[in-house]
Amino acid sequence: MIFIPTIEAPPVTHPAVNVCGGPALFCQINYDSVISSAVSIVLTIAFSLWVVSRLDPRRPGKFQMVFEFIIAYARGLIKDTVGIEAMWILPLALTIFFYILIANWIELFPLPHPFTPANTDFNQTLAMALVVYVLAEGYSIRVRGFGGFLHHLTRPHDMPIPLRVYFTFINVVEELAKPISLSLRLMGNIFGGVIMLWVLTVMLPLLPIPAVPYGLSVVLVAGWKVFDVFLIGTLQAFIFFLLTIIYFGQAVEGAKEHGEGTHEKAVELQAKSPAVMQATSN
C-alpha cells in the first residue's frame, strides 16, 4: 500500500531567503528563481554575442538568414501594428523573446536542486509584464497626451454618456489586467510542465507493476521534455513577444483618427531616429 504522506511533495513553492528582516514582500527572495534567472541572462547575452560573431554581410549563412527572417518579421509586425515611428520597440520585443526562449529551453537538461525554470516563478513573469505594461502606457501618454490618454479610456466614443461611464470602468479594469494576464499565461504554462514532470518521475513509478513503471517513466519524461520545451516553451516565448507588440499597438490605437495629443509630432520626431531610418531602408 502506498501512503500519500510519504510521497515527495510537488514543486508548488519556491524556497525563499530573508535578506533584510523586514516584510516578506520586500525582503524575501526566491533564490532558486534568482539563480535560474541569472543563468538565463548570462546565456542570453552569450547567445547574442555568438550571433554577432557569426554575422557576415558578404556571405550570409543559413543561421544568419533565419535570424534576419525573425528580425524582418518583427519589424513588419511592429510597422503594421504600431507604426514605423515605433521601431524602438524592436530590441525590447526580441530581447524578451530570446530571454524567455532560452529560459524555457534550459528545462531540457536535468536541473539539480535548487535550479528550476525561471518562468515558473510569478515574480519573474510579472516583472517582465510590468516592464512592457509601463512602457506601453507611457508611450500612449506620450503620443496621445495625458488628456487624450484619459479620453481613450472612455471608448467607445459614440455611445451615450451613461454607457460610456460603464465602459470606462471596463476599460480601466482591462488595462490593469494586462500585466496580470500576460504574466500568468507564461507562468502557468511553464509551471504546468514542471508539475507534469513531477507526475511522471514521482507518481508513475509508484504503480504496483514490477520494473515497468520505471522504464515507462524514463520514456515518457524524455518525450514530454521534448514536447514541453521545444513546442510549449517556444510557443509561450512567441506569444509573450507577440502580445508585447500588440499592447503597444493598442496603446496608440485610433490616435491618428481622433487627432489626440501629439501623435503627429511624435511621428515626425521618431521618424528621424536611426532605427526607423534603418527599418524604412529595409
Protein backbone atom coordinates (compact mmCIF):
# COMPACT_ATOMS: atom_id res chain seq x y z
CA MET A 1 0.00 0.00 0.00
CA ILE A 2 1.24 3.50 -0.85
CA PHE A 3 0.76 6.16 1.78
CA ILE A 4 0.27 9.58 0.19
CA PRO A 5 2.06 11.49 3.01
CA THR A 6 5.27 9.59 2.21
CA ILE A 7 5.29 10.75 -1.42
CA GLU A 8 7.63 13.59 -2.30
CA ALA A 9 5.66 16.85 -2.34
CA PRO A 10 5.04 18.50 -5.73
CA PRO A 11 7.21 21.55 -6.56
CA VAL A 12 4.48 24.12 -5.90
CA THR A 13 6.59 26.59 -3.90
CA HIS A 14 9.93 28.34 -4.29
CA PRO A 15 12.44 28.31 -1.41
CA ALA A 16 12.88 31.83 -0.08
CA VAL A 17 15.59 33.53 1.95
CA ASN A 18 15.12 36.66 4.05
CA VAL A 19 17.71 39.30 3.18
CA CYS A 20 16.75 42.31 5.31
CA GLY A 21 14.49 41.21 8.17
CA GLY A 22 11.53 43.28 7.01
CA PRO A 23 8.20 42.38 5.40
CA ALA A 24 8.27 39.28 3.24
CA LEU A 25 7.03 41.25 0.21
CA PHE A 26 10.20 43.36 0.19
CA CYS A 27 12.79 41.25 1.97
CA GLN A 28 12.30 37.65 0.84
CA ILE A 29 13.98 36.39 -2.32
CA ASN A 30 13.20 33.15 -4.11
CA TYR A 31 16.84 32.17 -4.52
CA ASP A 32 16.16 29.32 -6.94
CA SER A 33 14.48 31.77 -9.33
CA VAL A 34 17.31 34.27 -8.92
CA ILE A 35 19.86 31.58 -9.80
CA SER A 36 17.96 30.36 -12.85
CA SER A 37 17.25 33.92 -13.99
CA ALA A 38 20.93 34.83 -13.69
CA VAL A 39 21.94 31.76 -15.71
CA SER A 40 19.32 32.58 -18.34
CA ILE A 41 20.55 36.18 -18.58
CA VAL A 42 24.16 35.07 -19.00
CA LEU A 43 23.18 32.55 -21.68
CA THR A 44 21.07 35.16 -23.50
CA ILE A 45 23.99 37.61 -23.56
CA ALA A 46 26.37 34.85 -24.67
CA PHE A 47 23.94 33.84 -27.42
CA SER A 48 23.68 37.44 -28.60
CA LEU A 49 27.46 37.81 -28.76
CA TRP A 50 27.74 34.49 -30.60
CA VAL A 51 25.15 35.64 -33.16
CA VAL A 52 27.06 38.89 -33.73
CA SER A 53 30.32 36.97 -34.22
CA ARG A 54 28.73 34.86 -36.98
CA LEU A 55 27.25 37.75 -38.97
CA ASP A 56 28.79 38.18 -42.41
CA PRO A 57 27.06 40.66 -44.77
CA ARG A 58 29.07 39.33 -47.73
CA ARG A 59 28.32 35.62 -47.31
CA PRO A 60 25.32 35.11 -45.01
CA GLY A 61 24.92 31.55 -43.79
CA LYS A 62 21.74 29.63 -43.09
CA PHE A 63 21.69 30.64 -39.44
CA GLN A 64 22.08 34.30 -40.34
CA MET A 65 19.25 34.04 -42.86
CA VAL A 66 16.95 32.55 -40.20
CA PHE A 67 17.93 35.26 -37.73
CA GLU A 68 17.37 38.01 -40.30
CA PHE A 69 13.98 36.49 -41.11
CA ILE A 70 12.99 36.77 -37.43
CA ILE A 71 14.11 40.41 -37.31
CA ALA A 72 12.31 41.21 -40.57
CA TYR A 73 9.15 39.55 -39.25
CA ALA A 74 9.34 41.57 -36.02
CA ARG A 75 9.90 44.81 -37.95
CA GLY A 76 6.95 44.13 -40.21
CA LEU A 77 4.74 43.28 -37.23
CA ILE A 78 5.68 46.48 -35.41
CA LYS A 79 5.16 48.55 -38.57
CA ASP A 80 1.70 47.07 -39.17
CA THR A 81 0.58 47.01 -35.53
CA VAL A 82 2.08 50.16 -34.02
CA GLY A 83 3.65 52.18 -36.80
CA ILE A 84 7.02 52.81 -38.38
CA GLU A 85 7.70 55.51 -35.79
CA ALA A 86 7.72 52.89 -33.01
CA MET A 87 10.60 50.78 -34.30
CA TRP A 88 12.38 51.35 -30.98
CA ILE A 89 10.18 48.50 -29.67
CA LEU A 90 12.17 46.00 -31.77
CA PRO A 91 15.12 45.48 -29.35
CA LEU A 92 12.75 45.19 -26.40
CA ALA A 93 10.47 42.63 -28.05
CA LEU A 94 13.32 40.49 -29.43
CA THR A 95 15.26 40.57 -26.15
CA ILE A 96 12.17 39.39 -24.28
CA PHE A 97 11.58 36.67 -26.89
CA PHE A 98 15.09 35.22 -26.78
CA TYR A 99 15.37 35.50 -23.00
CA ILE A 100 12.09 33.62 -22.43
CA LEU A 101 13.03 31.09 -25.11
CA ILE A 102 16.41 30.33 -23.54
CA ALA A 103 14.96 30.28 -20.01
CA ASN A 104 12.36 27.74 -21.15
CA TRP A 105 14.77 25.62 -23.17
CA ILE A 106 17.05 25.18 -20.15
CA GLU A 107 14.39 22.83 -18.79
CA LEU A 108 15.50 20.25 -21.37
CA PHE A 109 18.57 19.45 -19.25
CA PRO A 110 18.49 17.69 -15.86
CA LEU A 111 18.26 20.54 -13.37
CA PRO A 112 19.91 19.98 -9.98
CA HIS A 113 18.32 21.45 -6.87
CA PRO A 114 17.68 24.36 -6.34
CA PHE A 115 17.70 25.19 -10.06
CA THR A 116 14.19 25.47 -11.53
CA PRO A 117 12.94 27.12 -14.75
CA ALA A 118 12.89 30.88 -14.16
CA ASN A 119 9.43 31.35 -15.65
CA THR A 120 7.78 29.07 -13.10
CA ASP A 121 8.04 31.98 -10.64
CA PHE A 122 5.22 34.53 -10.88
CA ASN A 123 7.58 37.25 -9.62
CA GLN A 124 9.76 36.73 -12.70
CA THR A 125 6.97 36.78 -15.28
CA LEU A 126 5.16 39.67 -13.57
CA ALA A 127 8.34 41.76 -13.62
CA MET A 128 8.66 41.33 -17.40
CA ALA A 129 4.96 42.03 -17.90
CA LEU A 130 5.16 45.20 -15.81
CA VAL A 131 8.08 46.49 -17.88
CA VAL A 132 6.03 46.02 -21.05
CA TYR A 133 2.91 47.50 -19.45
CA VAL A 134 4.60 50.61 -18.04
CA LEU A 135 6.42 51.33 -21.30
CA ALA A 136 3.23 50.82 -23.36
CA GLU A 137 1.16 53.09 -21.11
CA GLY A 138 3.94 55.67 -21.08
CA TYR A 139 4.13 55.56 -24.87
CA SER A 140 0.35 56.02 -25.05
CA ILE A 141 0.56 59.14 -22.86
CA ARG A 142 3.47 60.46 -24.93
CA VAL A 143 1.61 60.02 -28.20
CA ARG A 144 -1.89 61.00 -27.09
CA GLY A 145 -1.08 63.44 -24.33
CA PHE A 146 -2.44 62.85 -20.84
CA GLY A 147 -5.86 64.20 -21.76
CA GLY A 148 -6.02 62.02 -24.86
CA PHE A 149 -4.96 59.00 -22.78
CA LEU A 150 -7.84 59.56 -20.35
CA HIS A 151 -10.21 60.21 -23.25
CA HIS A 152 -9.19 56.88 -24.82
CA LEU A 153 -10.32 55.08 -21.65
CA THR A 154 -13.89 56.32 -22.24
CA ARG A 155 -14.27 54.47 -25.56
CA PRO A 156 -16.45 53.74 -27.48
CA HIS A 157 -16.88 57.46 -28.01
CA ASP A 158 -20.12 57.26 -30.00
CA MET A 159 -22.07 55.85 -27.04
CA PRO A 160 -24.39 57.88 -24.76
CA ILE A 161 -22.74 59.25 -21.61
CA PRO A 162 -24.24 56.67 -19.17
CA LEU A 163 -22.94 53.80 -21.31
CA ARG A 164 -19.54 55.46 -21.67
CA VAL A 165 -19.27 55.64 -17.88
CA TYR A 166 -19.95 51.90 -17.72
CA PHE A 167 -17.44 51.11 -20.49
CA THR A 168 -14.86 53.38 -18.85
CA PHE A 169 -14.90 51.10 -15.82
CA ILE A 170 -14.48 48.06 -18.07
CA ASN A 171 -11.64 49.72 -20.00
CA VAL A 172 -9.78 50.60 -16.80
CA VAL A 173 -10.11 47.03 -15.50
CA GLU A 174 -8.95 45.72 -18.88
CA GLU A 175 -5.84 47.93 -18.79
CA LEU A 176 -4.97 46.93 -15.22
CA ALA A 177 -5.47 43.24 -16.04
CA LYS A 178 -3.00 43.24 -18.93
CA PRO A 179 0.20 42.62 -16.91
CA ILE A 180 -1.57 40.03 -14.74
CA SER A 181 -2.88 38.01 -17.68
CA LEU A 182 0.40 38.31 -19.58
CA SER A 183 2.45 37.05 -16.63
CA LEU A 184 0.03 34.32 -15.54
CA ARG A 185 -0.21 32.89 -19.07
CA LEU A 186 3.54 32.36 -19.26
CA MET A 187 4.00 31.20 -15.68
CA GLY A 188 1.03 28.83 -15.80
CA ASN A 189 2.18 27.01 -18.92
CA ILE A 190 5.80 26.58 -17.78
CA PHE A 191 4.77 25.67 -14.24
CA GLY A 192 2.32 23.10 -15.63
CA GLY A 193 5.20 21.45 -17.46
CA VAL A 194 7.16 21.14 -14.22
CA ILE A 195 4.16 19.58 -12.45
CA MET A 196 3.79 17.10 -15.32
CA LEU A 197 7.44 16.12 -14.91
CA TRP A 198 6.79 15.56 -11.20
CA VAL A 199 3.88 13.25 -12.04
CA LEU A 200 5.99 11.24 -14.50
CA THR A 201 9.05 10.95 -12.26
CA VAL A 202 7.45 10.59 -8.81
CA MET A 203 3.90 9.32 -9.20
CA LEU A 204 4.25 6.98 -12.18
CA PRO A 205 7.00 4.75 -10.67
CA LEU A 206 4.70 4.10 -7.69
CA LEU A 207 2.37 1.97 -9.79
CA PRO A 208 2.28 -1.60 -8.40
CA ILE A 209 3.81 -3.14 -11.53
CA PRO A 210 7.37 -4.50 -11.12
CA ALA A 211 10.02 -2.75 -13.26
CA VAL A 212 7.57 -1.48 -15.90
CA PRO A 213 6.77 1.95 -14.34
CA TYR A 214 10.44 2.95 -14.15
CA GLY A 215 11.18 2.27 -17.80
CA LEU A 216 7.89 3.84 -18.84
CA SER A 217 8.70 6.88 -16.71
CA VAL A 218 12.05 7.40 -18.47
CA VAL A 219 10.46 7.18 -21.92
CA LEU A 220 7.58 9.49 -21.05
CA VAL A 221 9.85 12.03 -19.36
CA ALA A 222 12.08 12.21 -22.44
CA GLY A 223 9.08 12.58 -24.75
CA TRP A 224 7.39 15.14 -22.52
CA LYS A 225 10.54 17.25 -22.19
CA VAL A 226 10.93 17.46 -25.97
CA PHE A 227 7.25 18.42 -26.34
CA ASP A 228 7.20 20.81 -23.40
CA VAL A 229 10.49 22.56 -24.13
CA PHE A 230 10.53 22.85 -27.91
CA LEU A 231 6.79 23.28 -28.54
CA ILE A 232 5.25 24.80 -25.41
CA GLY A 233 8.37 26.75 -24.42
CA THR A 234 8.86 28.22 -27.89
CA LEU A 235 5.15 28.96 -28.30
CA GLN A 236 4.98 30.81 -24.97
CA ALA A 237 8.04 32.89 -25.86
CA PHE A 238 6.41 33.82 -29.17
CA ILE A 239 3.08 34.67 -27.51
CA PHE A 240 4.77 36.97 -24.98
CA PHE A 241 6.72 38.61 -27.83
CA LEU A 242 3.56 39.00 -29.92
CA LEU A 243 1.46 40.41 -27.08
CA THR A 244 4.24 42.88 -26.25
CA ILE A 245 3.89 44.40 -29.72
CA ILE A 246 0.08 44.18 -29.65
CA TYR A 247 -0.07 46.06 -26.34
CA PHE A 248 1.94 48.90 -27.86
CA GLY A 249 -0.42 48.86 -30.84
CA GLN A 250 -3.43 49.10 -28.54
CA ALA A 251 -1.74 51.96 -26.68
CA VAL A 252 -1.92 54.22 -29.75
CA GLU A 253 -4.94 52.67 -31.46
CA GLY A 254 -7.12 55.35 -33.05
CA ALA A 255 -4.80 58.22 -32.07
CA LYS A 256 -4.43 59.42 -35.66
CA GLU A 257 -8.14 59.23 -36.42
CA HIS A 258 -9.13 61.20 -33.32
CA GLY A 259 -6.22 63.65 -33.56
CA GLU A 260 -5.33 63.05 -29.94
CA GLY A 261 -2.41 64.71 -28.25
CA THR A 262 0.91 64.97 -30.04
CA HIS A 263 0.80 61.96 -32.32
CA GLU A 264 1.84 63.80 -35.49
CA LYS A 265 4.69 65.47 -33.61
CA ALA A 266 5.80 62.12 -32.19
CA VAL A 267 5.75 60.60 -35.67
CA GLU A 268 7.81 63.44 -37.08
CA LEU A 269 10.42 63.28 -34.32
CA GLN A 270 10.71 59.48 -34.17
CA ALA A 271 10.82 59.10 -37.95
CA LYS A 272 14.25 60.73 -37.83
CA SER A 273 15.65 58.12 -35.44
CA PRO A 274 18.30 55.68 -36.76
CA ALA A 275 16.11 52.64 -36.00
CA VAL A 276 13.25 53.97 -38.09
CA MET A 277 15.51 55.03 -40.95
CA GLN A 278 17.12 51.57 -40.99
CA ALA A 279 13.74 49.82 -40.93
CA THR A 280 12.50 52.03 -43.76
CA SER A 281 15.52 51.29 -45.88
CA ASN A 282 14.99 47.55 -45.37
